């Protein structure tokens, strides 16, 4: 967006612009789509026409196709089939206000159920504080519960070092141990963790919110439908 403002929206430095995960609607992506559509029209008769690639694994195609059509821009659709498996979805009967405790209980239930012997567990939580709270509770519970496999709890969020983040990809002994990855939305789209068979999603995410005219704060808000679909899909990769 900053570069578009500096070069008056022409994007002259680029021949191709890629917008990934556009279903995660934000102020920046919406502004960029508008600026890019204008740049396409400006450069369509030049020797260097601008190409724009809009990508998403859960994209609602028609809405974006309709947008470009309204700007008199033709859009070609390319669909790449993914290697995914069917995913069964289960919901709580009511809203779990204490999502930290609910996450801990669900992890424990999966681990102690004989029907769910195989596969690691990926848990989506809003922030680092929640991840640490769940981690502490799991360690405490394991001291009093002998049933189920030994849980290997790892964290995954942006503030971690690269070395700490790679622990989420390390295998654990098969048959005796089970990995539990406590993650923020960093694990939604940017990476695929092998071995994940179960996804627990509290349905919340931290987002920036503007206070007054100059201040911003991070607030915990409900995740979008596209986001929770994307999260659930993490369980169908293997």
Protein backbone atom coordinates (compact mmCIF):
# COMPACT_ATOMS: atom_id res chain seq x y z
CA UNK A 1 0.00 0.00 0.00
CA UNK A 2 2.85 2.38 0.85
CA UNK A 3 4.56 1.76 -2.49
CA UNK A 4 1.29 2.27 -4.35
CA UNK A 5 0.93 5.69 -2.76
CA UNK A 6 4.53 6.66 -3.57
CA UNK A 7 4.29 5.78 -7.28
CA UNK A 8 0.72 7.12 -7.62
CA UNK A 9 -0.85 3.67 -7.83
CA UNK A 10 0.82 2.52 -11.04
CA UNK A 11 2.94 -0.31 -9.56
CA UNK A 12 5.50 0.40 -12.31
CA UNK A 13 8.20 -1.62 -10.51
CA UNK A 14 6.19 -4.82 -10.87
CA UNK A 15 4.93 -6.95 -13.72
CA UNK A 16 3.11 -9.42 -11.43
CA UNK A 17 1.55 -8.86 -7.99
CA UNK A 18 0.41 -11.86 -5.91
CA UNK A 19 -2.19 -11.51 -3.16
CA UNK A 20 -2.32 -14.68 -1.07
CA UNK A 21 -4.97 -15.72 1.47
CA UNK A 22 -7.36 -13.00 0.32
CA UNK A 23 -10.22 -14.62 2.24
CA UNK A 24 -8.62 -13.08 5.34
CA UNK A 25 -10.27 -9.77 4.59
CA UNK A 26 -8.39 -6.78 5.99
CA UNK A 27 -8.20 -3.06 5.36
CA UNK A 28 -4.87 -3.50 3.56
CA UNK A 29 -6.02 -6.22 1.17
CA UNK A 30 -9.26 -4.43 0.33
CA UNK A 31 -7.39 -1.20 -0.43
CA UNK A 32 -4.84 -3.12 -2.50
CA UNK A 33 -7.54 -4.79 -4.58
CA UNK A 34 -8.97 -1.40 -5.43
CA UNK A 35 -5.58 0.11 -6.26
CA UNK A 36 -4.54 -2.91 -8.32
CA UNK A 37 -7.73 -2.87 -10.37
CA UNK A 38 -7.04 0.76 -11.28
CA UNK A 39 -3.41 -0.06 -12.12
CA UNK A 40 -4.51 -2.93 -14.39
CA UNK A 41 -6.73 -0.56 -16.36
CA UNK A 42 -4.00 2.10 -16.60
CA UNK A 43 -1.39 -0.34 -17.91
CA UNK A 44 -3.52 -2.64 -20.07
CA UNK A 45 -2.56 -0.75 -23.28
CA UNK A 46 1.15 -0.40 -22.42
CA UNK A 47 4.07 -2.68 -23.27
CA UNK A 48 4.14 -3.82 -19.65
CA UNK A 49 0.59 -4.79 -18.58
CA UNK A 50 0.14 -5.61 -14.92
CA UNK A 51 -0.86 -9.14 -13.95
CA UNK A 52 -2.51 -9.83 -10.60
CA UNK A 53 -2.77 -13.30 -9.03
CA UNK A 54 -5.37 -13.64 -6.27
CA UNK A 55 -4.92 -16.81 -4.21
CA UNK A 56 -6.74 -18.62 -1.42
CA UNK A 57 -7.46 -22.18 -0.34
CA UNK A 58 -11.00 -21.30 0.78
CA UNK A 59 -11.80 -18.45 -1.59
CA UNK A 60 -15.37 -17.67 -2.55
CA UNK A 61 -14.62 -17.29 -6.25
CA UNK A 62 -17.75 -15.56 -7.44
CA UNK A 63 -17.43 -12.52 -5.17
CA UNK A 64 -13.93 -11.70 -6.42
CA UNK A 65 -14.79 -12.50 -10.02
CA UNK A 66 -17.78 -10.17 -9.74
CA UNK A 67 -15.53 -7.42 -8.32
CA UNK A 68 -13.10 -7.53 -11.24
CA UNK A 69 -15.96 -7.79 -13.76
CA UNK A 70 -17.46 -4.62 -12.30
CA UNK A 71 -14.14 -2.94 -13.10
CA UNK A 72 -14.28 -4.22 -16.71
CA UNK A 73 -11.40 -6.61 -16.00
CA UNK A 74 -11.53 -10.21 -17.19
CA UNK A 75 -10.43 -12.82 -14.67
CA UNK A 76 -9.31 -16.37 -15.47
CA UNK A 77 -9.91 -19.04 -12.85
CA UNK A 78 -7.35 -21.75 -12.08
CA UNK A 79 -8.21 -24.49 -9.61
CA UNK A 80 -5.49 -26.71 -8.17
CA UNK A 81 -6.90 -29.76 -6.36
CA UNK A 82 -5.34 -30.34 -2.97
CA UNK A 83 -4.48 -33.66 -1.39
CA UNK A 84 -6.94 -33.56 1.47
CA UNK A 85 -9.00 -36.13 3.32
CA UNK A 86 -12.54 -35.83 4.69
CA UNK A 87 -12.73 -34.01 8.02
CA UNK A 88 -15.44 -34.64 10.62
CA UNK A 89 -16.58 -31.53 12.51
CA UNK A 90 -17.81 -31.57 16.12
CA UNK A 91 -19.17 -28.60 18.04
CA UNK A 92 -19.82 -27.79 21.70
CA UNK A 93 -23.48 -27.59 22.67
CA UNK A 94 -23.04 -24.02 23.93
CA UNK A 95 -20.39 -21.29 23.89
CA UNK A 96 -17.39 -22.12 26.08
CA UNK A 97 -16.53 -18.83 27.78
CA UNK A 98 -13.51 -20.36 29.51
CA UNK A 99 -11.90 -21.52 26.27
CA UNK A 100 -8.58 -22.24 27.99
CA UNK A 101 -10.10 -24.83 30.33
CA UNK A 102 -12.31 -26.18 27.53
CA UNK A 103 -9.23 -26.70 25.35
CA UNK A 104 -7.43 -28.56 28.13
CA UNK A 105 -10.46 -30.81 28.74
CA UNK A 106 -10.84 -31.61 25.03
CA UNK A 107 -7.15 -32.46 24.65
CA UNK A 108 -7.38 -34.80 27.65
CA UNK A 109 -10.55 -36.48 26.35
CA UNK A 110 -8.99 -37.16 22.95
CA UNK A 111 -5.82 -38.53 24.49
CA UNK A 112 -7.63 -40.85 26.90
CA UNK A 113 -10.14 -42.18 24.36
CA UNK A 114 -9.12 -45.58 23.00
CA UNK A 115 -10.85 -44.74 19.70
CA UNK A 116 -8.39 -41.91 19.07
CA UNK A 117 -5.06 -43.62 19.50
CA UNK A 118 -3.21 -42.21 16.51
CA UNK A 119 -2.32 -38.69 15.47
CA UNK A 120 -1.14 -35.43 16.97
CA UNK A 121 -3.35 -32.56 18.16
CA UNK A 122 -3.24 -28.97 16.87
CA UNK A 123 -4.91 -26.40 19.13
CA UNK A 124 -5.71 -22.87 17.94
CA UNK A 125 -5.66 -20.18 20.64
CA UNK A 126 -5.78 -16.36 20.38
CA UNK A 127 -2.41 -15.49 21.90
CA UNK A 128 0.78 -16.38 23.73
CA UNK A 129 -0.77 -15.96 27.19
CA UNK A 130 -3.49 -18.50 26.41
CA UNK A 131 -0.92 -20.93 25.00
CA UNK A 132 1.16 -20.74 28.17
CA UNK A 133 -1.92 -21.21 30.37
CA UNK A 134 -3.03 -24.32 28.48
CA UNK A 135 0.52 -25.68 28.57
CA UNK A 136 0.81 -25.29 32.35
CA UNK A 137 -2.59 -26.94 32.89
CA UNK A 138 -1.70 -29.90 30.66
CA UNK A 139 1.55 -30.53 32.51
CA UNK A 140 -0.29 -30.42 35.85
CA UNK A 141 -3.01 -32.80 34.62
CA UNK A 142 -0.52 -35.34 33.33
CA UNK A 143 0.93 -35.72 36.80
CA UNK A 144 -2.46 -37.01 38.02
CA UNK A 145 -3.57 -38.95 34.92
CA UNK A 146 -1.74 -42.11 33.90
CA UNK A 147 -4.11 -43.09 31.08
CA UNK A 148 -3.51 -42.11 27.49
CA UNK A 149 -0.24 -41.40 25.76
CA UNK A 150 2.47 -39.14 27.13
CA UNK A 151 1.82 -35.65 25.79
CA UNK A 152 4.67 -33.66 24.28
CA UNK A 153 3.51 -30.04 24.37
CA UNK A 154 5.08 -27.53 21.98
CA UNK A 155 4.28 -23.88 21.32
CA UNK A 156 3.93 -22.11 17.99
CA UNK A 157 3.53 -18.34 17.68
CA UNK A 158 5.28 -15.51 15.84
CA UNK A 159 7.38 -14.21 18.74
CA UNK A 160 9.20 -17.54 19.15
CA UNK A 161 12.67 -18.01 17.72
CA UNK A 162 13.04 -20.10 14.56
CA UNK A 163 14.68 -22.83 16.60
CA UNK A 164 11.75 -22.97 19.02
CA UNK A 165 9.22 -23.01 16.18
CA UNK A 166 10.88 -25.99 14.52
CA UNK A 167 10.05 -28.12 17.58
CA UNK A 168 6.49 -28.31 16.25
CA UNK A 169 7.80 -30.36 13.31
CA UNK A 170 9.94 -32.80 15.31
CA UNK A 171 8.48 -36.33 15.44
CA UNK A 172 7.69 -38.02 18.75
CA UNK A 173 7.96 -41.74 19.59
CA UNK A 174 5.08 -43.57 17.92
CA UNK A 175 2.78 -45.55 20.19
CA UNK A 176 3.83 -44.05 23.51
CA UNK A 177 3.80 -40.30 22.94
CA UNK A 178 1.50 -37.76 21.29
CA UNK A 179 2.42 -34.23 20.25
CA UNK A 180 0.16 -31.31 21.14
CA UNK A 181 0.87 -28.12 19.19
CA UNK A 182 -0.53 -25.01 20.89
CA UNK A 183 -0.62 -22.36 18.18
CA UNK A 184 -1.93 -18.96 17.20
CA UNK A 185 -3.20 -18.28 13.68
CA UNK A 186 0.38 -18.62 12.41
CA UNK A 187 -0.47 -22.31 11.85
CA UNK A 188 -3.54 -21.62 9.70
CA UNK A 189 -2.01 -21.23 6.27
CA UNK A 190 1.71 -20.58 6.23
CA UNK A 191 2.79 -24.13 7.10
CA UNK A 192 1.62 -27.72 7.33
CA UNK A 193 2.58 -29.75 10.39
CA UNK A 194 2.94 -33.47 9.65
CA UNK A 195 1.10 -35.96 11.83
CA UNK A 196 -1.84 -33.74 12.82
CA UNK A 197 -5.11 -35.70 12.98
CA UNK A 198 -7.10 -33.54 15.39
CA UNK A 199 -7.74 -29.80 15.45
CA UNK A 200 -9.23 -28.01 18.46
CA UNK A 201 -10.38 -24.48 17.67
CA UNK A 202 -11.68 -22.00 20.24
CA UNK A 203 -12.99 -19.90 17.34
CA UNK A 204 -11.20 -16.74 18.44
CA UNK A 205 -8.39 -14.59 17.08
CA UNK A 206 -6.50 -11.47 18.10
CA UNK A 207 -6.99 -8.51 15.77
CA UNK A 208 -5.89 -4.89 15.81
CA UNK A 209 -8.59 -2.41 16.70
CA UNK A 210 -8.37 1.38 16.41
CA UNK A 211 -9.12 3.39 19.54
CA UNK A 212 -9.86 7.03 18.91
CA UNK A 213 -7.85 8.53 16.07
CA UNK A 214 -4.30 7.34 16.79
CA UNK A 215 -4.19 4.40 19.18
CA UNK A 216 -4.41 0.71 18.33
CA UNK A 217 -4.93 -2.31 20.55
CA UNK A 218 -5.17 -6.06 20.09
CA UNK A 219 -8.61 -7.43 20.84
CA UNK A 220 -9.84 -11.01 20.99
CA UNK A 221 -12.70 -11.37 18.51
CA UNK A 222 -14.57 -14.26 16.84
CA UNK A 223 -12.69 -15.73 13.88
CA UNK A 224 -14.30 -15.50 10.45
CA UNK A 225 -16.05 -18.47 8.86
CA UNK A 226 -13.30 -18.74 6.22
CA UNK A 227 -10.68 -18.82 8.97
CA UNK A 228 -12.27 -21.64 10.97
CA UNK A 229 -12.74 -23.67 7.78
CA UNK A 230 -9.06 -23.18 7.01
CA UNK A 231 -8.11 -24.26 10.52
CA UNK A 232 -10.25 -27.40 10.38
CA UNK A 233 -8.57 -28.34 7.11
CA UNK A 234 -5.28 -28.79 8.93
CA UNK A 235 -6.62 -32.16 10.12
CA UNK A 236 -7.17 -33.46 6.60
CA UNK A 237 -3.68 -33.14 5.17
CA UNK A 238 -2.58 -36.72 5.84
